[in-house]
Amino acid sequence: MPPTPSLPPPPKSDLRQLFALLFLFHSLRSRLAAAHQGSSSYAAAALTEWRSAHASYYAASDPRDTFGGACGYGDLGKSGYGMATAGLSDALFEKGAACGGCYEVRCVEELRYCLPGTSIVLTATNFCAPNYGLPADAGGICNHPNHHLLMPIQAFEKIAIWKAGVMPIQYRRVKCIREDGVRFTIDGKGFFYTVLISNVAGAGDVTAVKIKGSVTGWLPMGRTWGQNWHISADLKGQALSFEVTSSDGVTLTSYNVAPKDWDFGKTYVGKQFPF
């Protein structure tokens, strides 16, 4: 029986290319595995496990895009949040109760566009409105029950290449780290007061607020929208104290935050939650 002819070995250049591709593949796989382990500096501050969602971005073409938002924070630069922010879909926004919470976000699965080993921490400052003219799986990216985060492109490009468009991500709630104290911006007219609460550390999202004048007891405030709270009470000429409770059940009391000559349109700074 004649011997089986042997094939000639491949050219050395082809072998070098093959080894280079194998090395690149294993390198990417190991880096992605490291990213999925969640070994970020926020790991110790994680409040939830990683959960699956999607993210997309918007490009701020007008300076006014950094103002407003469904949480009522106004100028995001002055309020301390900058562009590390996100609008949450209906399933996450909780009618504004989620405002102020912090989310660590990382890109997954999209090997062409993800930046392996990266994550970014975002503050919920806005609402990603649903589009019920389109189904949730075909254009209605923020429709219920989708978990979706809409990010400024500056934040999006920290974890992925912009060409990704709508991409799969993982997110988890983490503690918010803030500088200085909790801010109370008082507005209103007559005896109707609204208070915007911002720069909240720890859990970040506020679930209950009480206000106290220097000659009154503690009075509960109602949520107007986002992190704007209201009360009808004549507290003019009294120093104001606040009791703020966050979603993790921690309560912070700041006495005499606003002096007795406080005025509408001004911001006063109290204590800060531990983080």
Protein backbone atom coordinates (compact mmCIF):
# COMPACT_ATOMS: atom_id res chain seq x y z
CA MET A 1 0.00 0.00 0.00
CA PRO A 2 1.57 3.31 -0.99
CA PRO A 3 2.38 5.71 1.88
CA THR A 4 0.04 8.64 2.50
CA PRO A 5 1.59 11.78 1.07
CA SER A 6 2.40 14.42 3.70
CA LEU A 7 1.33 18.02 3.22
CA PRO A 8 3.99 20.71 3.14
CA PRO A 9 4.23 22.84 6.31
CA PRO A 10 2.54 26.25 6.13
CA PRO A 11 4.77 29.24 5.45
CA LYS A 12 6.39 30.81 8.52
CA SER A 13 4.60 34.09 7.84
CA ASP A 14 1.21 32.34 8.12
CA LEU A 15 2.25 30.73 11.41
CA ARG A 16 3.30 34.07 12.82
CA GLN A 17 -0.08 35.58 11.89
CA LEU A 18 -1.91 32.61 13.44
CA PHE A 19 0.01 32.90 16.73
CA ALA A 20 -0.57 36.66 16.79
CA LEU A 21 -4.32 36.17 16.36
CA LEU A 22 -4.40 33.51 19.09
CA PHE A 23 -2.48 35.78 21.44
CA LEU A 24 -4.87 38.67 20.75
CA PHE A 25 -7.91 36.45 21.32
CA HIS A 26 -6.66 35.15 24.68
CA SER A 27 -5.64 38.65 25.74
CA LEU A 28 -9.10 40.05 25.00
CA ARG A 29 -10.81 37.13 26.69
CA SER A 30 -8.77 37.52 29.87
CA ARG A 31 -9.35 41.29 29.97
CA LEU A 32 -13.09 40.83 29.52
CA ALA A 33 -13.14 38.21 32.24
CA ALA A 34 -11.38 40.63 34.55
CA ALA A 35 -13.93 43.31 33.71
CA HIS A 36 -16.81 40.94 34.42
CA GLN A 37 -15.41 40.16 37.86
CA GLY A 38 -16.26 43.71 38.86
CA SER A 39 -12.94 44.46 40.49
CA SER A 40 -13.53 48.21 40.48
CA SER A 41 -12.86 50.58 43.35
CA TYR A 42 -16.62 50.66 43.93
CA ALA A 43 -16.88 46.93 44.66
CA ALA A 44 -16.89 47.46 48.42
CA ALA A 45 -19.65 50.07 48.05
CA ALA A 46 -21.95 47.91 45.89
CA LEU A 47 -25.57 47.91 47.04
CA THR A 48 -26.85 45.36 44.50
CA GLU A 49 -25.54 42.57 42.29
CA TRP A 50 -24.78 43.16 38.60
CA ARG A 51 -27.93 43.25 36.47
CA SER A 52 -28.44 43.20 32.70
CA ALA A 53 -29.70 46.21 30.76
CA HIS A 54 -29.02 48.29 27.65
CA ALA A 55 -27.58 51.76 27.19
CA SER A 56 -27.50 54.40 24.49
CA TYR A 57 -26.22 57.96 24.31
CA TYR A 58 -27.13 61.46 23.29
CA ALA A 59 -24.76 64.16 22.09
CA ALA A 60 -25.29 67.50 23.82
CA SER A 61 -25.51 69.93 20.92
CA ASP A 62 -26.75 72.81 23.05
CA PRO A 63 -25.43 74.04 26.45
CA ARG A 64 -29.01 73.88 27.70
CA ASP A 65 -28.84 70.06 27.42
CA THR A 66 -26.96 70.08 30.75
CA PHE A 67 -29.88 71.85 32.46
CA GLY A 68 -33.22 70.66 33.75
CA GLY A 69 -34.15 67.01 33.74
CA ALA A 70 -36.97 65.11 35.38
CA CYS A 71 -35.23 65.07 38.77
CA GLY A 72 -35.20 68.87 38.98
CA TYR A 73 -31.49 69.38 39.64
CA GLY A 74 -31.24 72.32 37.25
CA ASP A 75 -27.68 73.11 36.13
CA LEU A 76 -25.92 69.75 36.44
CA GLY A 77 -22.53 71.44 36.56
CA LYS A 78 -23.44 73.70 39.48
CA SER A 79 -25.25 70.88 41.28
CA GLY A 80 -22.07 68.78 41.17
CA TYR A 81 -23.18 66.00 38.84
CA GLY A 82 -21.52 67.12 35.59
CA MET A 83 -21.90 64.73 32.65
CA ALA A 84 -21.56 61.52 34.69
CA THR A 85 -25.32 61.18 34.64
CA ALA A 86 -28.07 59.02 33.18
CA GLY A 87 -31.72 59.12 32.28
CA LEU A 88 -33.51 56.00 33.51
CA SER A 89 -36.23 54.08 31.69
CA ASP A 90 -39.70 53.77 33.17
CA ALA A 91 -38.87 50.43 34.83
CA LEU A 92 -35.97 52.02 36.76
CA PHE A 93 -37.12 55.62 37.34
CA GLU A 94 -39.79 54.73 39.89
CA LYS A 95 -41.72 57.98 39.25
CA GLY A 96 -38.71 60.00 40.41
CA ALA A 97 -37.91 58.05 43.56
CA ALA A 98 -34.68 56.79 41.93
CA CYS A 99 -33.34 60.34 41.39
CA GLY A 100 -29.93 60.83 42.98
CA GLY A 101 -29.02 57.14 43.10
CA CYS A 102 -25.66 56.03 41.71
CA TYR A 103 -25.12 53.23 39.20
CA GLU A 104 -21.87 51.60 38.16
CA VAL A 105 -22.13 50.65 34.47
CA ARG A 106 -19.92 48.44 32.30
CA CYS A 107 -20.12 47.31 28.67
CA VAL A 108 -20.55 43.58 27.98
CA GLU A 109 -20.70 41.19 25.01
CA GLU A 110 -19.96 43.74 22.27
CA LEU A 111 -16.34 42.76 21.63
CA ARG A 112 -16.07 45.19 18.72
CA TYR A 113 -17.01 48.23 20.78
CA CYS A 114 -16.49 47.58 24.51
CA LEU A 115 -13.47 49.02 26.29
CA PRO A 116 -12.51 45.99 28.41
CA GLY A 117 -11.87 46.47 32.11
CA THR A 118 -13.64 49.84 32.29
CA SER A 119 -16.69 51.05 34.18
CA ILE A 120 -18.23 54.41 35.06
CA VAL A 121 -20.38 55.56 37.96
CA LEU A 122 -23.42 57.63 36.95
CA THR A 123 -26.02 59.56 38.93
CA ALA A 124 -29.69 59.26 37.97
CA THR A 125 -30.77 62.80 37.04
CA ASN A 126 -33.36 62.33 34.32
CA PHE A 127 -36.11 60.18 32.82
CA CYS A 128 -35.77 58.32 29.53
CA ALA A 129 -39.29 58.72 28.18
CA PRO A 130 -40.98 55.70 26.59
CA ASN A 131 -42.23 55.71 23.01
CA TYR A 132 -45.35 53.59 23.00
CA GLY A 133 -45.74 54.14 19.28
CA LEU A 134 -43.05 51.47 18.91
CA PRO A 135 -42.78 48.06 20.59
CA ALA A 136 -40.25 47.62 23.41
CA ASP A 137 -38.17 45.23 21.29
CA ALA A 138 -38.23 47.35 18.12
CA GLY A 139 -37.46 50.99 18.78
CA GLY A 140 -39.18 51.65 22.11
CA ILE A 141 -35.89 51.36 23.99
CA CYS A 142 -37.18 52.98 27.19
CA ASN A 143 -40.60 51.33 27.17
CA HIS A 144 -41.65 49.23 30.12
CA PRO A 145 -40.31 46.66 31.08
CA ASN A 146 -36.93 47.52 29.48
CA HIS A 147 -34.07 48.41 31.80
CA HIS A 148 -32.31 51.16 29.85
CA LEU A 149 -29.87 53.96 30.68
CA LEU A 150 -29.56 57.00 28.41
CA MET A 151 -26.10 58.54 28.85
CA PRO A 152 -24.31 61.67 27.61
CA ILE A 153 -21.81 60.68 24.94
CA GLN A 154 -18.97 61.88 27.22
CA ALA A 155 -19.93 59.18 29.73
CA PHE A 156 -20.73 56.54 27.10
CA GLU A 157 -17.25 56.83 25.58
CA LYS A 158 -15.66 55.94 28.94
CA ILE A 159 -16.83 52.34 28.47
CA ALA A 160 -17.45 51.87 24.74
CA ILE A 161 -16.82 53.22 21.27
CA TRP A 162 -19.63 55.51 20.11
CA LYS A 163 -20.37 53.33 17.08
CA ALA A 164 -21.94 50.76 19.42
CA GLY A 165 -25.25 52.68 19.42
CA VAL A 166 -27.64 50.74 21.65
CA MET A 167 -25.49 48.23 23.49
CA PRO A 168 -25.88 45.58 26.20
CA ILE A 169 -24.50 46.59 29.60
CA GLN A 170 -24.48 45.48 33.18
CA TYR A 171 -25.25 47.85 36.04
CA ARG A 172 -25.37 47.78 39.82
CA ARG A 173 -26.35 50.27 42.49
CA VAL A 174 -23.39 51.64 44.42
CA LYS A 175 -22.97 54.20 47.16
CA CYS A 176 -22.61 57.79 46.02
CA ILE A 177 -19.44 59.64 46.96
CA ARG A 178 -19.95 63.39 47.29
CA GLU A 179 -17.94 66.40 48.38
CA ASP A 180 -19.30 68.78 51.04
CA GLY A 181 -22.75 68.45 52.55
CA VAL A 182 -26.30 67.84 51.39
CA ARG A 183 -27.71 70.92 49.63
CA PHE A 184 -31.16 72.35 50.31
CA THR A 185 -32.41 74.88 47.73
CA ILE A 186 -35.48 76.68 49.04
CA ASP A 187 -38.07 78.18 46.72
CA GLY A 188 -41.74 79.01 46.73
CA LYS A 189 -44.02 81.88 47.59
CA GLY A 190 -45.89 82.98 50.69
CA PHE A 191 -46.34 79.96 52.95
CA PHE A 192 -45.89 77.36 50.16
CA TYR A 193 -42.29 76.11 50.14
CA THR A 194 -40.42 73.77 47.82
CA VAL A 195 -37.02 72.34 48.68
CA LEU A 196 -34.71 70.73 46.12
CA ILE A 197 -32.40 68.22 47.82
CA SER A 198 -29.14 67.45 46.01
CA ASN A 199 -25.54 66.28 46.48
CA VAL A 200 -26.66 63.35 48.62
CA ALA A 201 -24.01 60.73 49.43
CA GLY A 202 -24.55 57.14 50.53
CA ALA A 203 -27.62 55.63 48.89
CA GLY A 204 -28.15 58.95 47.10
CA ASP A 205 -31.91 58.74 46.61
CA VAL A 206 -34.21 60.37 49.17
CA THR A 207 -37.42 58.66 50.29
CA ALA A 208 -38.68 60.95 53.09
CA VAL A 209 -38.10 64.53 54.28
CA LYS A 210 -39.16 66.49 57.35
CA ILE A 211 -38.69 70.20 58.04
CA LYS A 212 -38.62 71.98 61.39
CA GLY A 213 -38.75 75.65 62.25
CA SER A 214 -37.05 76.96 65.37
CA VAL A 215 -40.46 77.35 67.05
CA THR A 216 -42.30 74.40 65.47
CA GLY A 217 -42.10 70.62 65.63
CA TRP A 218 -41.08 68.33 62.78
CA LEU A 219 -43.40 68.56 59.77
CA PRO A 220 -43.43 65.95 56.96
CA MET A 221 -42.88 67.18 53.40
CA GLY A 222 -44.43 65.67 50.25
CA ARG A 223 -42.63 64.80 47.05
CA THR A 224 -43.55 67.22 44.28
CA TRP A 225 -41.45 65.53 41.56
CA GLY A 226 -37.94 64.10 41.38
CA GLN A 227 -36.10 65.36 44.44
CA ASN A 228 -38.28 68.45 44.90
CA TRP A 229 -40.25 68.37 48.14
CA HIS A 230 -43.01 70.73 49.31
CA ILE A 231 -44.94 71.90 52.35
CA SER A 232 -47.59 74.50 53.15
CA ALA A 233 -46.54 76.16 56.40
CA ASP A 234 -45.50 79.67 57.41
CA LEU A 235 -41.91 79.28 58.61
CA LYS A 236 -40.64 82.77 57.75
CA GLY A 237 -38.32 84.23 60.36
CA GLN A 238 -37.45 80.80 61.75
CA ALA A 239 -34.19 78.88 61.40
CA LEU A 240 -34.88 75.70 59.42
CA SER A 241 -33.72 72.17 60.19
CA PHE A 242 -34.13 69.12 57.95
CA GLU A 243 -34.44 65.39 58.51
CA VAL A 244 -33.68 63.37 55.37
CA THR A 245 -34.12 59.60 54.96
CA SER A 246 -32.52 57.70 52.08
CA SER A 247 -33.66 54.44 50.46
CA ASP A 248 -31.37 52.32 52.65
CA GLY A 249 -33.22 53.51 55.76
CA VAL A 250 -30.48 55.85 56.99
CA THR A 251 -31.74 59.16 58.42
CA LEU A 252 -29.65 62.32 58.57
CA THR A 253 -30.64 65.29 60.72
CA SER A 254 -29.19 68.74 60.09
CA TYR A 255 -30.15 71.42 62.61
CA ASN A 256 -30.42 75.12 61.76
CA VAL A 257 -29.29 74.60 58.17
CA ALA A 258 -30.94 77.83 57.05
CA PRO A 259 -30.67 80.83 59.41
CA LYS A 260 -33.78 82.71 60.53
CA ASP A 261 -33.24 85.30 57.78
CA TRP A 262 -33.25 82.64 55.02
CA ASP A 263 -34.68 83.64 51.65
CA PHE A 264 -36.25 81.99 48.60
CA GLY A 265 -33.90 81.07 45.77
CA LYS A 266 -30.93 80.37 48.02
CA THR A 267 -29.11 77.11 48.74
CA TYR A 268 -28.07 76.04 52.23
CA VAL A 269 -25.70 73.19 53.10
CA GLY A 270 -26.25 70.66 55.87
CA LYS A 271 -24.50 67.52 57.08
CA GLN A 272 -23.60 64.64 54.79
CA PHE A 273 -24.57 60.96 54.77
CA PRO A 274 -21.76 58.52 55.51
CA PHE A 275 -20.23 56.72 52.50
